[in-house]
Amino acid sequence: MLAECRAIISNIFLQPYVSDSWQWHPDHVGGYSVRSGYAILTSQDHQLLDDAQSLIWHPQVPSKVSILTWRLLRDRLPTKINLHDRGILPVTDISCVGGCGHIETANHLFILCDFFGDIWQHVRSWLGFSGVDHQNIGAHFIHFTNYSVA
């Protein structure tokens, strides 16, 4: 490890009268911004989801499970908010079916709802691994697919 460290720093030349600075690689000119940090985080999520496509459409996964997963990750399930957005339900009928009072979105139903979200703790226990509770479906899917291929 010492030799590796020496090799890494062997091409670095210190300049006594030049101040050091940090450089944000995604934007060399403007530097770091919350917008650029957010862009990196969200683009990685899409990349990871793209990498997981082979698991969604895997031959051993039943078609109905693949279709549900595909629709879920693209927010295409008939949740109450989606039905409202399409003009099918009035705004007074978009509360969660679990009775918690929140707006029924896919993310809420599958992850955040106190009534349904606790199921994932039981699934993790049943599968025999620990995990974290994610705040969005994409991160949750990536977490579970990483365990499935491990």
C-alpha atoms as a PDB file:
ATOM      1  CA  MET A   1       0.000   0.000   0.000  1.00  0.00           C
ATOM      2  CA  LEU A   2       2.908   2.306   0.724  1.00  0.00           C
ATOM      3  CA  ALA A   3       4.306   1.761  -2.769  1.00  0.00           C
ATOM      4  CA  GLU A   4       0.884   2.450  -4.257  1.00  0.00           C
ATOM      5  CA  CYS A   5       0.605   5.667  -2.254  1.00  0.00           C
ATOM      6  CA  ARG A   6       4.081   6.775  -3.363  1.00  0.00           C
ATOM      7  CA  ALA A   7       3.175   6.099  -6.998  1.00  0.00           C
ATOM      8  CA  ILE A   8       0.039   8.208  -6.686  1.00  0.00           C
ATOM      9  CA  ILE A   9       1.783  11.226  -5.174  1.00  0.00           C
ATOM     10  CA  SER A  10       5.025  10.994  -7.166  1.00  0.00           C
ATOM     11  CA  ASN A  11       3.695  13.284  -9.918  1.00  0.00           C
ATOM     12  CA  ILE A  12       2.442  15.978  -7.539  1.00  0.00           C
ATOM     13  CA  PHE A  13       4.565  19.090  -7.232  1.00  0.00           C
ATOM     14  CA  LEU A  14       3.908  21.488  -4.388  1.00  0.00           C
ATOM     15  CA  GLN A  15       4.084  25.177  -5.196  1.00  0.00           C
ATOM     16  CA  PRO A  16       4.777  27.253  -2.092  1.00  0.00           C
ATOM     17  CA  TYR A  17       3.170  30.557  -3.192  1.00  0.00           C
ATOM     18  CA  VAL A  18       0.066  29.190  -4.904  1.00  0.00           C
ATOM     19  CA  SER A  19      -3.087  28.662  -2.866  1.00  0.00           C
ATOM     20  CA  ASP A  20      -4.857  25.337  -2.960  1.00  0.00           C
ATOM     21  CA  SER A  21      -8.400  25.073  -4.215  1.00  0.00           C
ATOM     22  CA  TRP A  22     -11.129  22.511  -4.546  1.00  0.00           C
ATOM     23  CA  GLN A  23     -12.566  21.837  -7.954  1.00  0.00           C
ATOM     24  CA  TRP A  24     -16.075  20.495  -8.667  1.00  0.00           C
ATOM     25  CA  HIS A  25     -15.563  18.200 -11.664  1.00  0.00           C
ATOM     26  CA  PRO A  26     -19.118  18.336 -13.069  1.00  0.00           C
ATOM     27  CA  ASP A  27     -18.857  22.146 -13.433  1.00  0.00           C
ATOM     28  CA  HIS A  28     -15.279  23.464 -13.553  1.00  0.00           C
ATOM     29  CA  VAL A  29     -16.383  27.028 -14.307  1.00  0.00           C
ATOM     30  CA  GLY A  30     -19.319  27.608 -11.968  1.00  0.00           C
ATOM     31  CA  GLY A  31     -18.189  25.287  -9.205  1.00  0.00           C
ATOM     32  CA  TYR A  32     -20.450  23.401  -6.881  1.00  0.00           C
ATOM     33  CA  SER A  33     -24.138  24.221  -6.681  1.00  0.00           C
ATOM     34  CA  VAL A  34     -27.072  22.405  -5.164  1.00  0.00           C
ATOM     35  CA  ARG A  35     -28.514  22.103  -8.679  1.00  0.00           C
ATOM     36  CA  SER A  36     -25.396  20.341 -10.009  1.00  0.00           C
ATOM     37  CA  GLY A  37     -25.265  18.020  -6.986  1.00  0.00           C
ATOM     38  CA  TYR A  38     -28.962  17.178  -7.410  1.00  0.00           C
ATOM     39  CA  ALA A  39     -28.433  16.528 -11.130  1.00  0.00           C
ATOM     40  CA  ILE A  40     -25.691  14.017 -10.364  1.00  0.00           C
ATOM     41  CA  LEU A  41     -27.763  12.214  -7.742  1.00  0.00           C
ATOM     42  CA  THR A  42     -30.852  11.940  -9.923  1.00  0.00           C
ATOM     43  CA  SER A  43     -28.928  10.902 -13.046  1.00  0.00           C
ATOM     44  CA  GLN A  44     -27.232   8.104 -11.111  1.00  0.00           C
ATOM     45  CA  ASP A  45     -30.639   6.860  -9.987  1.00  0.00           C
ATOM     46  CA  HIS A  46     -31.772   6.655 -13.615  1.00  0.00           C
ATOM     47  CA  GLN A  47     -28.549   4.920 -14.613  1.00  0.00           C
ATOM     48  CA  LEU A  48     -28.962   2.357 -11.861  1.00  0.00           C
ATOM     49  CA  LEU A  49     -32.576   1.775 -12.890  1.00  0.00           C
ATOM     50  CA  ASP A  50     -31.456   1.351 -16.487  1.00  0.00           C
ATOM     51  CA  ASP A  51     -28.914  -1.217 -15.320  1.00  0.00           C
ATOM     52  CA  ALA A  52     -31.677  -3.088 -13.477  1.00  0.00           C
ATOM     53  CA  GLN A  53     -33.839  -3.454 -16.606  1.00  0.00           C
ATOM     54  CA  SER A  54     -32.475  -6.937 -17.195  1.00  0.00           C
ATOM     55  CA  LEU A  55     -33.864  -7.960 -13.808  1.00  0.00           C
ATOM     56  CA  ILE A  56     -37.314  -6.509 -14.518  1.00  0.00           C
ATOM     57  CA  TRP A  57     -37.673  -8.423 -17.780  1.00  0.00           C
ATOM     58  CA  HIS A  58     -35.760 -11.535 -16.680  1.00  0.00           C
ATOM     59  CA  PRO A  59     -37.204 -14.767 -18.171  1.00  0.00           C
ATOM     60  CA  GLN A  60     -37.729 -16.295 -14.720  1.00  0.00           C
ATOM     61  CA  VAL A  61     -39.832 -13.334 -13.527  1.00  0.00           C
ATOM     62  CA  PRO A  62     -43.552 -13.825 -14.267  1.00  0.00           C
ATOM     63  CA  SER A  63     -44.840 -11.378 -16.885  1.00  0.00           C
ATOM     64  CA  LYS A  64     -47.412  -9.867 -14.536  1.00  0.00           C
ATOM     65  CA  VAL A  65     -44.671  -9.083 -11.991  1.00  0.00           C
ATOM     66  CA  SER A  66     -42.472  -7.510 -14.686  1.00  0.00           C
ATOM     67  CA  ILE A  67     -45.352  -5.368 -15.926  1.00  0.00           C
ATOM     68  CA  LEU A  68     -46.287  -4.251 -12.409  1.00  0.00           C
ATOM     69  CA  THR A  69     -42.665  -3.356 -11.654  1.00  0.00           C
ATOM     70  CA  TRP A  70     -42.229  -1.506 -14.941  1.00  0.00           C
ATOM     71  CA  ARG A  71     -45.427   0.489 -14.373  1.00  0.00           C
ATOM     72  CA  LEU A  72     -44.518   1.172 -10.735  1.00  0.00           C
ATOM     73  CA  LEU A  73     -41.053   2.531 -11.536  1.00  0.00           C
ATOM     74  CA  ARG A  74     -42.537   4.832 -14.186  1.00  0.00           C
ATOM     75  CA  ASP A  75     -45.455   5.970 -12.015  1.00  0.00           C
ATOM     76  CA  ARG A  76     -48.024   4.456 -14.373  1.00  0.00           C
ATOM     77  CA  LEU A  77     -50.157   2.614 -11.802  1.00  0.00           C
ATOM     78  CA  PRO A  78     -53.773   3.709 -11.315  1.00  0.00           C
ATOM     79  CA  THR A  79     -53.179   5.435  -7.992  1.00  0.00           C
ATOM     80  CA  LYS A  80     -55.743   7.977  -6.890  1.00  0.00           C
ATOM     81  CA  ILE A  81     -53.484  10.922  -7.750  1.00  0.00           C
ATOM     82  CA  ASN A  82     -52.890   9.538 -11.266  1.00  0.00           C
ATOM     83  CA  LEU A  83     -56.633   8.991 -11.697  1.00  0.00           C
ATOM     84  CA  HIS A  84     -57.238  12.555 -10.521  1.00  0.00           C
ATOM     85  CA  ASP A  85     -54.616  13.889 -12.954  1.00  0.00           C
ATOM     86  CA  ARG A  86     -56.484  12.101 -15.774  1.00  0.00           C
ATOM     87  CA  GLY A  87     -59.794  13.656 -14.719  1.00  0.00           C
ATOM     88  CA  ILE A  88     -61.310  10.414 -13.405  1.00  0.00           C
ATOM     89  CA  LEU A  89     -61.411  11.223  -9.669  1.00  0.00           C
ATOM     90  CA  PRO A  90     -62.232  14.538  -8.005  1.00  0.00           C
ATOM     91  CA  VAL A  91     -59.671  16.140  -5.703  1.00  0.00           C
ATOM     92  CA  THR A  92     -61.817  15.171  -2.703  1.00  0.00           C
ATOM     93  CA  ASP A  93     -61.194  11.450  -3.401  1.00  0.00           C
ATOM     94  CA  ILE A  94     -57.383  11.291  -3.570  1.00  0.00           C
ATOM     95  CA  SER A  95     -56.697  10.279   0.033  1.00  0.00           C
ATOM     96  CA  CYS A  96     -54.788   7.056   0.644  1.00  0.00           C
ATOM     97  CA  VAL A  97     -56.834   3.863   0.733  1.00  0.00           C
ATOM     98  CA  GLY A  98     -54.952   2.923   3.934  1.00  0.00           C
ATOM     99  CA  GLY A  99     -56.827   5.650   5.802  1.00  0.00           C
ATOM    100  CA  CYS A 100     -53.755   7.641   6.824  1.00  0.00           C
ATOM    101  CA  GLY A 101     -55.010  10.868   5.230  1.00  0.00           C
ATOM    102  CA  HIS A 102     -52.096  11.404   2.834  1.00  0.00           C
ATOM    103  CA  ILE A 103     -52.424  11.743  -0.935  1.00  0.00           C
ATOM    104  CA  GLU A 104     -52.321   8.325  -2.604  1.00  0.00           C
ATOM    105  CA  THR A 105     -49.254   8.202  -4.854  1.00  0.00           C
ATOM    106  CA  ALA A 106     -47.311   5.099  -5.796  1.00  0.00           C
ATOM    107  CA  ASN A 107     -44.381   6.262  -3.690  1.00  0.00           C
ATOM    108  CA  HIS A 108     -46.684   6.794  -0.720  1.00  0.00           C
ATOM    109  CA  LEU A 109     -48.487   3.448  -1.080  1.00  0.00           C
ATOM    110  CA  PHE A 110     -45.397   1.308  -1.550  1.00  0.00           C
ATOM    111  CA  ILE A 111     -42.893   3.126   0.665  1.00  0.00           C
ATOM    112  CA  LEU A 112     -44.151   5.906   2.946  1.00  0.00           C
ATOM    113  CA  CYS A 113     -47.614   4.816   4.101  1.00  0.00           C
ATOM    114  CA  ASP A 114     -47.707   3.789   7.761  1.00  0.00           C
ATOM    115  CA  PHE A 115     -50.296   1.141   6.931  1.00  0.00           C
ATOM    116  CA  PHE A 116     -48.586  -0.510   3.921  1.00  0.00           C
ATOM    117  CA  GLY A 117     -44.948   0.635   4.213  1.00  0.00           C
ATOM    118  CA  ASP A 118     -44.255  -1.576   7.230  1.00  0.00           C
ATOM    119  CA  ILE A 119     -44.619  -4.653   5.035  1.00  0.00           C
ATOM    120  CA  TRP A 120     -41.035  -4.161   3.793  1.00  0.00           C
ATOM    121  CA  GLN A 121     -39.644  -4.711   7.288  1.00  0.00           C
ATOM    122  CA  HIS A 122     -41.401  -8.098   7.343  1.00  0.00           C
ATOM    123  CA  VAL A 123     -40.167  -8.956   3.838  1.00  0.00           C
ATOM    124  CA  ARG A 124     -36.560  -8.137   4.794  1.00  0.00           C
ATOM    125  CA  SER A 125     -36.914 -10.217   7.963  1.00  0.00           C
ATOM    126  CA  TRP A 126     -38.405 -13.114   5.989  1.00  0.00           C
ATOM    127  CA  LEU A 127     -35.546 -12.939   3.448  1.00  0.00           C
ATOM    128  CA  GLY A 128     -32.993 -12.725   6.240  1.00  0.00           C
ATOM    129  CA  PHE A 129     -31.266  -9.447   5.504  1.00  0.00           C
ATOM    130  CA  SER A 130     -31.254  -6.026   7.054  1.00  0.00           C
ATOM    131  CA  GLY A 131     -31.755  -2.853   5.156  1.00  0.00           C
ATOM    132  CA  VAL A 132     -32.742   0.753   5.274  1.00  0.00           C
ATOM    133  CA  ASP A 133     -36.114   2.303   4.603  1.00  0.00           C
ATOM    134  CA  HIS A 134     -35.851   4.334   1.420  1.00  0.00           C
ATOM    135  CA  GLN A 135     -37.871   7.415   0.615  1.00  0.00           C
ATOM    136  CA  ASN A 136     -38.456   6.657  -3.069  1.00  0.00           C
ATOM    137  CA  ILE A 137     -39.376   3.641  -5.127  1.00  0.00           C
ATOM    138  CA  GLY A 138     -36.303   3.741  -7.384  1.00  0.00           C
ATOM    139  CA  ALA A 139     -33.854   3.530  -4.478  1.00  0.00           C
ATOM    140  CA  HIS A 140     -35.967   0.825  -2.860  1.00  0.00           C
ATOM    141  CA  PHE A 141     -36.009  -1.236  -6.066  1.00  0.00           C
ATOM    142  CA  ILE A 142     -32.249  -0.905  -6.529  1.00  0.00           C
ATOM    143  CA  HIS A 143     -31.697  -1.940  -2.903  1.00  0.00           C
ATOM    144  CA  PHE A 144     -33.765  -5.123  -3.285  1.00  0.00           C
ATOM    145  CA  THR A 145     -32.384  -6.042  -6.711  1.00  0.00           C
ATOM    146  CA  ASN A 146     -28.834  -5.676  -5.426  1.00  0.00           C
ATOM    147  CA  TYR A 147     -29.661  -8.192  -2.703  1.00  0.00           C
ATOM    148  CA  SER A 148     -31.258 -10.535  -5.221  1.00  0.00           C
ATOM    149  CA  VAL A 149     -28.125 -10.753  -7.388  1.00  0.00           C
ATOM    150  CA  ALA A 150     -25.721 -10.954  -4.460  1.00  0.00           C
END
